[in-house]
C-alpha atoms as a PDB file:
ATOM      1  CA  ALA A   1      -9.076  -5.370  28.321  1.00  0.00           C
ATOM      2  CA  ALA A   2      -6.458  -7.470  27.267  1.00  0.00           C
ATOM      3  CA  LEU A   3      -4.968  -4.675  24.749  1.00  0.00           C
ATOM      4  CA  PHE A   4      -4.671  -2.095  28.133  1.00  0.00           C
ATOM      5  CA  VAL A   5      -3.408  -4.908  30.536  1.00  0.00           C
ATOM      6  CA  ALA A   6      -0.205  -4.918  27.827  1.00  0.00           C
ATOM      7  CA  VAL A   7      -0.197  -1.574  27.564  1.00  0.00           C
ATOM      8  CA  ALA A   8       0.027  -0.983  31.014  1.00  0.00           C
ATOM      9  CA  LEU A   9       2.870  -3.557  31.687  1.00  0.00           C
ATOM     10  CA  LEU A  10       5.059  -1.754  28.971  1.00  0.00           C
ATOM     11  CA  TRP A  11       4.628   1.080  30.740  1.00  0.00           C
ATOM     12  CA  ARG A  12       5.108  -0.439  34.339  1.00  0.00           C
ATOM     13  CA  ASP A  13       8.404  -2.446  33.007  1.00  0.00           C
ATOM     14  CA  ALA A  14       9.908  -0.250  31.117  1.00  0.00           C
ATOM     15  CA  GLN A  15      12.636   0.106  33.799  1.00  0.00           C
ATOM     16  CA  ILE A  16      13.080  -3.476  34.863  1.00  0.00           C
ATOM     17  CA  LEU A  17      12.859  -5.307  31.607  1.00  0.00           C
ATOM     18  CA  PRO A  18      16.661  -6.176  29.795  1.00  0.00           C
ATOM     19  CA  PRO A  19      16.909  -4.321  26.552  1.00  0.00           C
ATOM     20  CA  MET A  20      16.505  -7.443  24.358  1.00  0.00           C
ATOM     21  CA  LEU A  21      13.415  -8.548  25.954  1.00  0.00           C
ATOM     22  CA  SER A  22      11.959  -4.808  25.834  1.00  0.00           C
ATOM     23  CA  ARG A  23      12.657  -4.646  22.251  1.00  0.00           C
ATOM     24  CA  LEU A  24      11.239  -8.016  21.829  1.00  0.00           C
ATOM     25  CA  ALA A  25       7.989  -6.844  23.751  1.00  0.00           C
ATOM     26  CA  HIS A  26       7.614  -3.428  21.987  1.00  0.00           C
ATOM     27  CA  LEU A  27       7.921  -5.267  18.771  1.00  0.00           C
ATOM     28  CA  SER A  28       5.807  -8.219  19.189  1.00  0.00           C
ATOM     29  CA  PHE A  29       3.007  -6.027  20.532  1.00  0.00           C
ATOM     30  CA  PHE A  30       2.785  -3.586  17.595  1.00  0.00           C
ATOM     31  CA  TRP A  31       3.314  -6.427  15.623  1.00  0.00           C
ATOM     32  CA  MET A  32       0.029  -8.247  17.083  1.00  0.00           C
ATOM     33  CA  ILE A  33      -1.988  -4.559  16.528  1.00  0.00           C
ATOM     34  CA  LEU A  34      -0.793  -4.272  13.570  1.00  0.00           C
ATOM     35  CA  LEU A  35      -1.533  -7.759  12.482  1.00  0.00           C
ATOM     36  CA  ALA A  36      -5.229  -7.089  13.399  1.00  0.00           C
ATOM     37  CA  LEU A  37      -5.496  -4.014  12.173  1.00  0.00           C
ATOM     38  CA  ALA A  38      -4.239  -5.009   8.727  1.00  0.00           C
ATOM     39  CA  VAL A  39      -6.915  -8.415   8.660  1.00  0.00           C
ATOM     40  CA  GLU A  40      -9.590  -5.643   9.204  1.00  0.00           C
ATOM     41  CA  LEU A  41      -8.885  -3.532   6.345  1.00  0.00           C
ATOM     42  CA  PHE A  42      -8.122  -6.178   4.262  1.00  0.00           C
ATOM     43  CA  TRP A  43     -11.764  -7.911   4.946  1.00  0.00           C
ATOM     44  CA  PHE A  44     -13.552  -4.256   4.755  1.00  0.00           C
ATOM     45  CA  ALA A  45     -11.340  -4.035   1.149  1.00  0.00           C
ATOM     46  CA  GLN A  46     -12.634  -7.207   0.263  1.00  0.00           C
ATOM     47  CA  GLY A  47     -16.234  -6.787   1.299  1.00  0.00           C
ATOM     48  CA  LEU A  48     -16.606  -3.398  -0.853  1.00  0.00           C
ATOM     49  CA  PRO A  49     -19.159  -3.691  -3.780  1.00  0.00           C
ATOM     50  CA  TRP A  50     -18.106  -4.467  -7.533  1.00  0.00           C
ATOM     51  CA  GLY A  51     -16.565  -1.734  -9.593  1.00  0.00           C
ATOM     52  CA  ARG A  52     -14.563  -0.506  -6.179  1.00  0.00           C
ATOM     53  CA  ALA A  53     -11.525  -2.478  -6.271  1.00  0.00           C
ATOM     54  CA  ALA A  54     -10.283   0.950  -7.085  1.00  0.00           C
ATOM     55  CA  TRP A  55     -11.252   1.750  -3.573  1.00  0.00           C
ATOM     56  CA  GLY A  56     -10.085  -1.083  -1.857  1.00  0.00           C
ATOM     57  CA  SER A  57      -6.595  -0.774  -3.427  1.00  0.00           C
ATOM     58  CA  GLY A  58      -6.100   2.718  -2.679  1.00  0.00           C
ATOM     59  CA  LEU A  59      -7.440   2.426   0.924  1.00  0.00           C
ATOM     60  CA  MET A  60      -4.651  -0.329   1.714  1.00  0.00           C
ATOM     61  CA  MET A  61      -1.526   1.863   0.336  1.00  0.00           C
ATOM     62  CA  ALA A  62      -2.680   4.955   2.132  1.00  0.00           C
ATOM     63  CA  ALA A  63      -3.308   3.373   5.140  1.00  0.00           C
ATOM     64  CA  GLY A  64       0.449   1.766   4.961  1.00  0.00           C
ATOM     65  CA  GLY A  65       2.021   4.897   4.015  1.00  0.00           C
ATOM     66  CA  LEU A  66       0.054   7.092   6.551  1.00  0.00           C
ATOM     67  CA  LEU A  67       1.289   4.446   9.354  1.00  0.00           C
ATOM     68  CA  ILE A  68       4.866   5.061   8.594  1.00  0.00           C
ATOM     69  CA  PHE A  69       4.692   8.424   8.081  1.00  0.00           C
ATOM     70  CA  LEU A  70       2.980   8.894  11.818  1.00  0.00           C
ATOM     71  CA  ILE A  71       4.938   6.524  13.274  1.00  0.00           C
ATOM     72  CA  TYR A  72       8.076   8.342  12.391  1.00  0.00           C
ATOM     73  CA  GLN A  73       6.698  11.568  13.632  1.00  0.00           C
ATOM     74  CA  SER A  74       5.586  10.353  17.184  1.00  0.00           C
ATOM     75  CA  VAL A  75       9.243   9.121  17.246  1.00  0.00           C
ATOM     76  CA  HIS A  76      10.291  12.686  16.459  1.00  0.00           C
ATOM     77  CA  ARG A  77       8.294  14.169  18.800  1.00  0.00           C
ATOM     78  CA  GLN A  78       8.901  11.744  21.807  1.00  0.00           C
ATOM     79  CA  ILE A  79       5.547  10.347  22.010  1.00  0.00           C
ATOM     80  CA  TRP A  80       5.167   7.304  24.352  1.00  0.00           C
ATOM     81  CA  PRO A  81       6.040   3.963  23.638  1.00  0.00           C
ATOM     82  CA  PHE A  82       7.929   5.246  20.456  1.00  0.00           C
ATOM     83  CA  ARG A  83      10.523   7.658  22.375  1.00  0.00           C
ATOM     84  CA  ILE A  84      11.907   4.121  24.148  1.00  0.00           C
ATOM     85  CA  TRP A  85      13.022   2.053  21.182  1.00  0.00           C
ATOM     86  CA  PRO A  86      13.143   5.157  18.269  1.00  0.00           C
ATOM     87  CA  THR A  87      15.411   2.869  15.745  1.00  0.00           C
ATOM     88  CA  LEU A  88      13.288  -0.450  16.205  1.00  0.00           C
ATOM     89  CA  TYR A  89       9.893   2.077  15.720  1.00  0.00           C
ATOM     90  CA  SER A  90      10.586   3.901  12.810  1.00  0.00           C
ATOM     91  CA  VAL A  91      12.692   1.322  11.083  1.00  0.00           C
ATOM     92  CA  GLN A  92      12.921  -2.099  11.913  1.00  0.00           C
ATOM     93  CA  ALA A  93       8.884  -2.606  12.957  1.00  0.00           C
ATOM     94  CA  MET A  94       8.180  -1.061   9.520  1.00  0.00           C
ATOM     95  CA  VAL A  95      10.112  -3.754   7.172  1.00  0.00           C
ATOM     96  CA  PRO A  96       6.917  -5.787   6.508  1.00  0.00           C
ATOM     97  CA  VAL A  97       4.733  -2.876   5.941  1.00  0.00           C
ATOM     98  CA  VAL A  98       7.160  -1.275   3.540  1.00  0.00           C
ATOM     99  CA  LEU A  99       7.352  -5.214   1.490  1.00  0.00           C
ATOM    100  CA  VAL A 100       3.676  -4.859   1.642  1.00  0.00           C
ATOM    101  CA  LEU A 101       3.395  -1.539   0.150  1.00  0.00           C
ATOM    102  CA  VAL A 102       5.964  -2.395  -2.725  1.00  0.00           C
ATOM    103  CA  GLY A 103       3.996  -5.788  -3.405  1.00  0.00           C
ATOM    104  CA  LEU A 104       0.824  -3.572  -3.698  1.00  0.00           C
ATOM    105  CA  LEU A 105       2.632  -0.709  -5.691  1.00  0.00           C
ATOM    106  CA  VAL A 106       3.821  -3.008  -8.001  1.00  0.00           C
ATOM    107  CA  LEU A 107      -0.052  -5.339  -8.340  1.00  0.00           C
ATOM    108  CA  THR A 108      -2.430  -2.749  -8.116  1.00  0.00           C
ATOM    109  CA  ASN A 109      -0.852  -0.618 -11.157  1.00  0.00           C
ATOM    110  CA  LEU A 110      -2.184  -3.195 -13.100  1.00  0.00           C
ATOM    111  CA  GLN A 111      -6.178  -1.768 -12.577  1.00  0.00           C
ATOM    112  CA  ASP A 112      -7.828   0.583 -14.601  1.00  0.00           C
ATOM    113  CA  GLY A 113      -8.479   2.509 -11.704  1.00  0.00           C
ATOM    114  CA  VAL A 114     -11.928   3.363 -12.767  1.00  0.00           C
ATOM    115  CA  VAL A 115     -14.838   3.251 -10.207  1.00  0.00           C
ATOM    116  CA  TYR A 116     -18.110   2.301 -11.138  1.00  0.00           C
ATOM    117  CA  ARG A 117     -20.394   5.133 -12.477  1.00  0.00           C
ATOM    118  CA  GLN A 118     -17.622   8.033 -11.514  1.00  0.00           C
ATOM    119  CA  THR A 119     -15.692   9.503 -14.143  1.00  0.00           C
ATOM    120  CA  TYR A 120     -12.195   8.640 -13.909  1.00  0.00           C
ATOM    121  CA  LEU A 121      -9.877  11.884 -12.969  1.00  0.00           C
ATOM    122  CA  PRO A 122      -6.116  11.193 -13.685  1.00  0.00           C
ATOM    123  CA  LEU A 123      -4.019  11.824 -10.170  1.00  0.00           C
ATOM    124  CA  LEU A 124      -7.351  12.544  -8.052  1.00  0.00           C
ATOM    125  CA  ASN A 125      -8.632   8.990  -7.813  1.00  0.00           C
ATOM    126  CA  PRO A 126      -8.503   6.657  -4.677  1.00  0.00           C
ATOM    127  CA  LEU A 127      -5.868   4.257  -6.530  1.00  0.00           C
ATOM    128  CA  GLU A 128      -3.303   6.629  -7.448  1.00  0.00           C
ATOM    129  CA  GLU A 129      -3.663   9.011  -4.335  1.00  0.00           C
ATOM    130  CA  GLY A 130      -3.541   5.772  -2.376  1.00  0.00           C
ATOM    131  CA  ALA A 131       0.100   4.948  -4.337  1.00  0.00           C
ATOM    132  CA  ALA A 132       1.039   8.496  -3.530  1.00  0.00           C
ATOM    133  CA  PHE A 133       0.609   7.927   0.081  1.00  0.00           C
ATOM    134  CA  ALA A 134       2.498   4.918  -0.611  1.00  0.00           C
ATOM    135  CA  LEU A 135       5.435   6.339  -1.945  1.00  0.00           C
ATOM    136  CA  LEU A 136       5.588   8.718   0.345  1.00  0.00           C
ATOM    137  CA  GLY A 137       5.718   6.114   3.267  1.00  0.00           C
ATOM    138  CA  LEU A 138       8.652   4.531   1.512  1.00  0.00           C
ATOM    139  CA  VAL A 139      10.379   8.048   1.139  1.00  0.00           C
ATOM    140  CA  VAL A 140       9.888   8.379   5.053  1.00  0.00           C
ATOM    141  CA  PHE A 141      11.082   5.084   5.439  1.00  0.00           C
ATOM    142  CA  TYR A 142      14.141   5.448   3.628  1.00  0.00           C
ATOM    143  CA  ARG A 143      15.133   9.194   5.461  1.00  0.00           C
ATOM    144  CA  ALA A 144      14.625   7.030   8.907  1.00  0.00           C
ATOM    145  CA  SER A 145      16.815   4.245   7.559  1.00  0.00           C
ATOM    146  CA  GLU A 146      19.252   7.296   6.561  1.00  0.00           C
ATOM    147  CA  ARG A 147      18.976   8.671  10.119  1.00  0.00           C
ATOM    148  CA  TYR A 148      19.467   5.455  11.798  1.00  0.00           C
ATOM    149  CA  PHE A 149      21.360   3.295   9.912  1.00  0.00           C
ATOM    150  CA  PRO A 150      23.822   5.556   7.931  1.00  0.00           C
ATOM    151  CA  ALA A 151      26.907   2.877   7.727  1.00  0.00           C
ATOM    152  CA  GLN A 152      24.208  -0.294   6.906  1.00  0.00           C
ATOM    153  CA  LEU A 153      22.561   2.343   3.989  1.00  0.00           C
ATOM    154  CA  SER A 154      26.066   3.743   2.815  1.00  0.00           C
ATOM    155  CA  VAL A 155      26.686   0.238   1.554  1.00  0.00           C
ATOM    156  CA  CYS A 156      23.443  -0.818  -0.492  1.00  0.00           C
ATOM    157  CA  ARG A 157      23.855   2.782  -2.049  1.00  0.00           C
ATOM    158  CA  PRO A 158      22.461   3.438  -4.565  1.00  0.00           C
ATOM    159  CA  TRP A 159      20.284   1.029  -4.850  1.00  0.00           C
ATOM    160  CA  PRO A 160      17.606   2.181  -2.524  1.00  0.00           C
ATOM    161  CA  VAL A 161      17.414   5.490  -4.320  1.00  0.00           C
ATOM    162  CA  VAL A 162      17.283   3.324  -7.891  1.00  0.00           C
ATOM    163  CA  ALA A 163      14.465   1.233  -6.083  1.00  0.00           C
ATOM    164  CA  LEU A 164      12.360   4.223  -5.194  1.00  0.00           C
ATOM    165  CA  MET A 165      12.790   6.050  -8.492  1.00  0.00           C
ATOM    166  CA  ALA A 166      12.057   2.794 -10.519  1.00  0.00           C
ATOM    167  CA  LEU A 167       8.469   2.209  -8.446  1.00  0.00           C
ATOM    168  CA  SER A 168       7.792   5.708  -9.424  1.00  0.00           C
ATOM    169  CA  PHE A 169       8.295   5.715 -12.723  1.00  0.00           C
ATOM    170  CA  TRP A 170       6.389   2.272 -12.832  1.00  0.00           C
ATOM    171  CA  TRP A 171       3.725   4.047 -11.564  1.00  0.00           C
ATOM    172  CA  LEU A 172       3.719   7.370 -13.919  1.00  0.00           C
ATOM    173  CA  ASN A 173       3.419   4.804 -16.275  1.00  0.00           C
ATOM    174  CA  GLY A 174       0.465   3.248 -15.357  1.00  0.00           C
ATOM    175  CA  VAL A 175      -1.386   6.900 -14.599  1.00  0.00           C
ATOM    176  CA  LEU A 176      -0.827   7.517 -18.330  1.00  0.00           C
ATOM    177  CA  LEU A 177      -1.861   4.338 -19.422  1.00  0.00           C
ATOM    178  CA  ARG A 178      -5.313   4.600 -17.520  1.00  0.00           C
ATOM    179  CA  ALA A 179      -5.653   8.345 -18.615  1.00  0.00           C
ATOM    180  CA  LEU A 180      -5.135   7.187 -22.312  1.00  0.00           C
ATOM    181  CA  SER A 181      -7.075   4.260 -21.993  1.00  0.00           C
ATOM    182  CA  TRP A 182     -10.255   6.256 -20.248  1.00  0.00           C
ATOM    183  CA  TYR A 183     -10.312   9.164 -22.518  1.00  0.00           C
ATOM    184  CA  GLY A 184      -8.767   7.574 -25.702  1.00  0.00           C
ATOM    185  CA  GLU A 185     -11.546   4.639 -24.883  1.00  0.00           C
ATOM    186  CA  VAL A 186      -9.485   1.808 -25.366  1.00  0.00           C
ATOM    187  CA  ALA A 187     -10.734  -1.136 -23.385  1.00  0.00           C
ATOM    188  CA  TRP A 188      -8.347  -2.464 -20.435  1.00  0.00           C
ATOM    189  CA  ARG A 189      -7.209  -5.343 -21.855  1.00  0.00           C
ATOM    190  CA  VAL A 190      -3.574  -6.567 -22.705  1.00  0.00           C
ATOM    191  CA  ASP A 191      -4.477  -7.128 -26.771  1.00  0.00           C
ATOM    192  CA  THR A 192      -6.372  -3.487 -26.921  1.00  0.00           C
ATOM    193  CA  LEU A 193      -3.951  -1.438 -25.296  1.00  0.00           C
ATOM    194  CA  TRP A 194      -0.829  -2.960 -27.345  1.00  0.00           C
ATOM    195  CA  ASP A 195      -2.807  -2.086 -30.665  1.00  0.00           C
ATOM    196  CA  SER A 196      -3.333   1.409 -29.731  1.00  0.00           C
ATOM    197  CA  ARG A 197      -1.629   3.641 -32.205  1.00  0.00           C
ATOM    198  CA  LEU A 198      -2.319   6.354 -29.290  1.00  0.00           C
ATOM    199  CA  ILE A 199      -1.040   4.359 -26.388  1.00  0.00           C
ATOM    200  CA  GLN A 200       2.052   3.682 -28.284  1.00  0.00           C
ATOM    201  CA  THR A 201       3.104   6.989 -29.540  1.00  0.00           C
ATOM    202  CA  CYS A 202       2.272   8.517 -26.092  1.00  0.00           C
ATOM    203  CA  PHE A 203       4.438   6.229 -24.125  1.00  0.00           C
ATOM    204  CA  ALA A 204       7.386   6.526 -26.791  1.00  0.00           C
ATOM    205  CA  LEU A 205       7.530  10.163 -25.853  1.00  0.00           C
ATOM    206  CA  PHE A 206       7.016  10.122 -22.215  1.00  0.00           C
ATOM    207  CA  TRP A 207       9.977   7.233 -21.584  1.00  0.00           C
ATOM    208  CA  MET A 208      11.990   9.931 -24.345  1.00  0.00           C
ATOM    209  CA  LEU A 209      11.194  12.746 -22.047  1.00  0.00           C
ATOM    210  CA  ALA A 210      12.322  10.797 -19.033  1.00  0.00           C
ATOM    211  CA  ALA A 211      15.282   9.606 -20.690  1.00  0.00           C
ATOM    212  CA  LEU A 212      16.018  13.586 -21.696  1.00  0.00           C
ATOM    213  CA  VAL A 213      15.164  14.384 -17.515  1.00  0.00           C
ATOM    214  CA  VAL A 214      17.449  11.891 -16.332  1.00  0.00           C
ATOM    215  CA  MET A 215      20.711  12.856 -18.656  1.00  0.00           C
ATOM    216  CA  LEU A 216      20.280  16.575 -18.241  1.00  0.00           C
ATOM    217  CA  ARG A 217      20.561  16.214 -14.578  1.00  0.00           C
ATOM    218  CA  ALA A 218      23.396  13.307 -14.824  1.00  0.00           C
ATOM    219  CA  THR A 219      24.964  16.169 -17.246  1.00  0.00           C
ATOM    220  CA  ARG A 220      24.602  18.936 -14.350  1.00  0.00           C
ATOM    221  CA  ARG A 221      25.748  16.263 -11.427  1.00  0.00           C
ATOM    222  CA  ARG A 222      28.446  14.800 -13.794  1.00  0.00           C
ATOM    223  CA  SER A 223      27.280  11.534 -13.098  1.00  0.00           C
ATOM    224  CA  HIS A 224      28.939   9.013 -15.933  1.00  0.00           C
ATOM    225  CA  ARG A 225      26.393   6.032 -14.590  1.00  0.00           C
ATOM    226  CA  GLU A 226      23.272   8.267 -14.110  1.00  0.00           C
ATOM    227  CA  TRP A 227      23.844   9.370 -17.920  1.00  0.00           C
ATOM    228  CA  LEU A 228      24.063   5.595 -19.044  1.00  0.00           C
ATOM    229  CA  CYS A 229      21.273   4.624 -17.326  1.00  0.00           C
ATOM    230  CA  GLY A 230      19.392   7.710 -19.279  1.00  0.00           C
ATOM    231  CA  ALA A 231      21.328   6.175 -22.302  1.00  0.00           C
ATOM    232  CA  VAL A 232      19.792   2.602 -21.648  1.00  0.00           C
ATOM    233  CA  LEU A 233      16.455   4.080 -21.772  1.00  0.00           C
ATOM    234  CA  LEU A 234      17.052   6.001 -24.759  1.00  0.00           C
ATOM    235  CA  GLY A 235      18.026   2.736 -26.388  1.00  0.00           C
ATOM    236  CA  ILE A 236      14.860   0.911 -25.366  1.00  0.00           C
ATOM    237  CA  VAL A 237      12.954   3.799 -26.878  1.00  0.00           C
ATOM    238  CA  ILE A 238      14.813   3.582 -30.808  1.00  0.00           C
ATOM    239  CA  VAL A 239      14.415   0.177 -30.258  1.00  0.00           C
ATOM    240  CA  LYS A 240      10.595   0.508 -29.574  1.00  0.00           C
ATOM    241  CA  LEU A 241      10.346   2.577 -32.429  1.00  0.00           C
ATOM    242  CA  MET A 242      11.768   0.096 -35.105  1.00  0.00           C
ATOM    243  CA  LEU A 243      10.412  -2.939 -33.820  1.00  0.00           C
ATOM    244  CA  VAL A 244       7.183  -2.033 -32.131  1.00  0.00           C
ATOM    245  CA  ASP A 245       5.771   1.354 -33.932  1.00  0.00           C
ATOM    246  CA  SER A 246       6.950   0.725 -37.254  1.00  0.00           C
ATOM    247  CA  ALA A 247       5.526  -3.090 -36.958  1.00  0.00           C
ATOM    248  CA  GLY A 248       1.758  -0.920 -36.909  1.00  0.00           C
ATOM    249  CA  GLY A 249       2.402   0.919 -40.305  1.00  0.00           C
ATOM    250  CA  GLY A 250       1.962   4.637 -40.976  1.00  0.00           C
ATOM    251  CA  GLY A 251      -0.132   7.047 -40.167  1.00  0.00           C
ATOM    252  CA  LEU A 252       0.414  10.495 -38.456  1.00  0.00           C
ATOM    253  CA  ALA A 253       0.586   8.836 -34.855  1.00  0.00           C
ATOM    254  CA  ARG A 254       3.844   7.085 -36.061  1.00  0.00           C
ATOM    255  CA  ALA A 255       5.081  10.323 -37.415  1.00  0.00           C
ATOM    256  CA  VAL A 256       4.470  12.173 -34.309  1.00  0.00           C
ATOM    257  CA  ALA A 257       6.522   9.345 -32.870  1.00  0.00           C
ATOM    258  CA  PHE A 258       9.487   9.265 -34.618  1.00  0.00           C
ATOM    259  CA  ILE A 259       9.311  13.305 -35.373  1.00  0.00           C
ATOM    260  CA  GLY A 260       8.988  13.925 -31.468  1.00  0.00           C
ATOM    261  CA  VAL A 261      11.753  11.360 -30.622  1.00  0.00           C
ATOM    262  CA  ALA A 262      14.164  12.843 -33.224  1.00  0.00           C
ATOM    263  CA  ILE A 263      13.614  16.131 -31.791  1.00  0.00           C
ATOM    264  CA  LEU A 264      14.842  15.070 -27.990  1.00  0.00           C
ATOM    265  CA  VAL A 265      17.535  13.234 -28.986  1.00  0.00           C
ATOM    266  CA  LEU A 266      19.132  16.412 -30.766  1.00  0.00           C
ATOM    267  CA  ILE A 267      18.534  18.214 -27.509  1.00  0.00           C
ATOM    268  CA  ILE A 268      19.936  15.855 -25.380  1.00  0.00           C
ATOM    269  CA  GLY A 269      22.774  15.791 -27.437  1.00  0.00           C
ATOM    270  CA  TYR A 270      23.331  19.362 -27.489  1.00  0.00           C
ATOM    271  CA  PHE A 271      22.305  19.983 -24.306  1.00  0.00           C
ATOM    272  CA  SER A 272      23.397  16.304 -22.339  1.00  0.00           C
ATOM    273  CA  PRO A 273      27.045  15.464 -23.600  1.00  0.00           C
ATOM    274  CA  LEU A 274      28.548  12.383 -21.645  1.00  0.00           C
ATOM    275  CA  PRO A 275      29.967  13.269 -18.542  1.00  0.00           C
ATOM    276  CA  PRO A 276      33.562  11.811 -17.676  1.00  0.00           C
ATOM    277  CA  LYS A 277      34.315   8.998 -15.606  1.00  0.00           C
ATOM    278  CA  ALA A 278      34.992   9.337 -12.095  1.00  0.00           C
ATOM    279  CA  GLY A 279      38.954  10.304 -12.062  1.00  0.00           C
ATOM    280  CA  GLU A 280      38.887  11.153 -15.479  1.00  0.00           C
ATOM    281  CA  GLU A 281      38.490  14.938 -15.119  1.00  0.00           C
ATOM    282  CA  LYS A 282      41.162  16.979 -14.716  1.00  0.00           C
END
């Protein structure tokens, strides 16, 4: 009953309240509903049986991402009450959701993603599907911020995009690690994962491919700064080969890693030269 009364008051007093009070009323009402739903979802996730942690994490991330998307669509379609304060609902009210999603994306990527008595399928499992919804929600939030706060966002560039790319790269690493752990029959423990030659080799090649993509894109866009970011990742891979892969002794995995990285370095050197700095090109 209280919920319906609050909605009725917002509807009745839409033209009466001063703008500041109206914004405060809309924001507080929205956050109260959001908090109640979040608590219910949290306790539901906590109450899942043993071996279902991936479902709980995936549901929370999917719910947050879908909420951002649905609110943005509601504002776009001029649905009440979101059309009253589109900036408030699209961006400012979503800030707590975005912060929670970022935290979940960082922390839940440390889970193995395995559901009890189910075969692990990369990308087709509750944990990674939930992460996909969360990343989609963050992209939508960025688009909304770009639309309603272009001046403020221009001051922060390029860091929001860098943060999104870093989160995506973090999750791609997690997807690869979970797949290698499951199909390579490597126990999900720090020591066994670190000592696995299969995992170390695959990560060296994956990071090298990521550096190749970044540097090729930077060359095409003539972005000196972006090219240097790819070069830093390339340097990390080479240091990893020297300190980590070589420390594990010889073997086929080490040979594959060194040969693969060497080939990719040659490709980078040929197809992706260092672009000139801004103002140097004539």
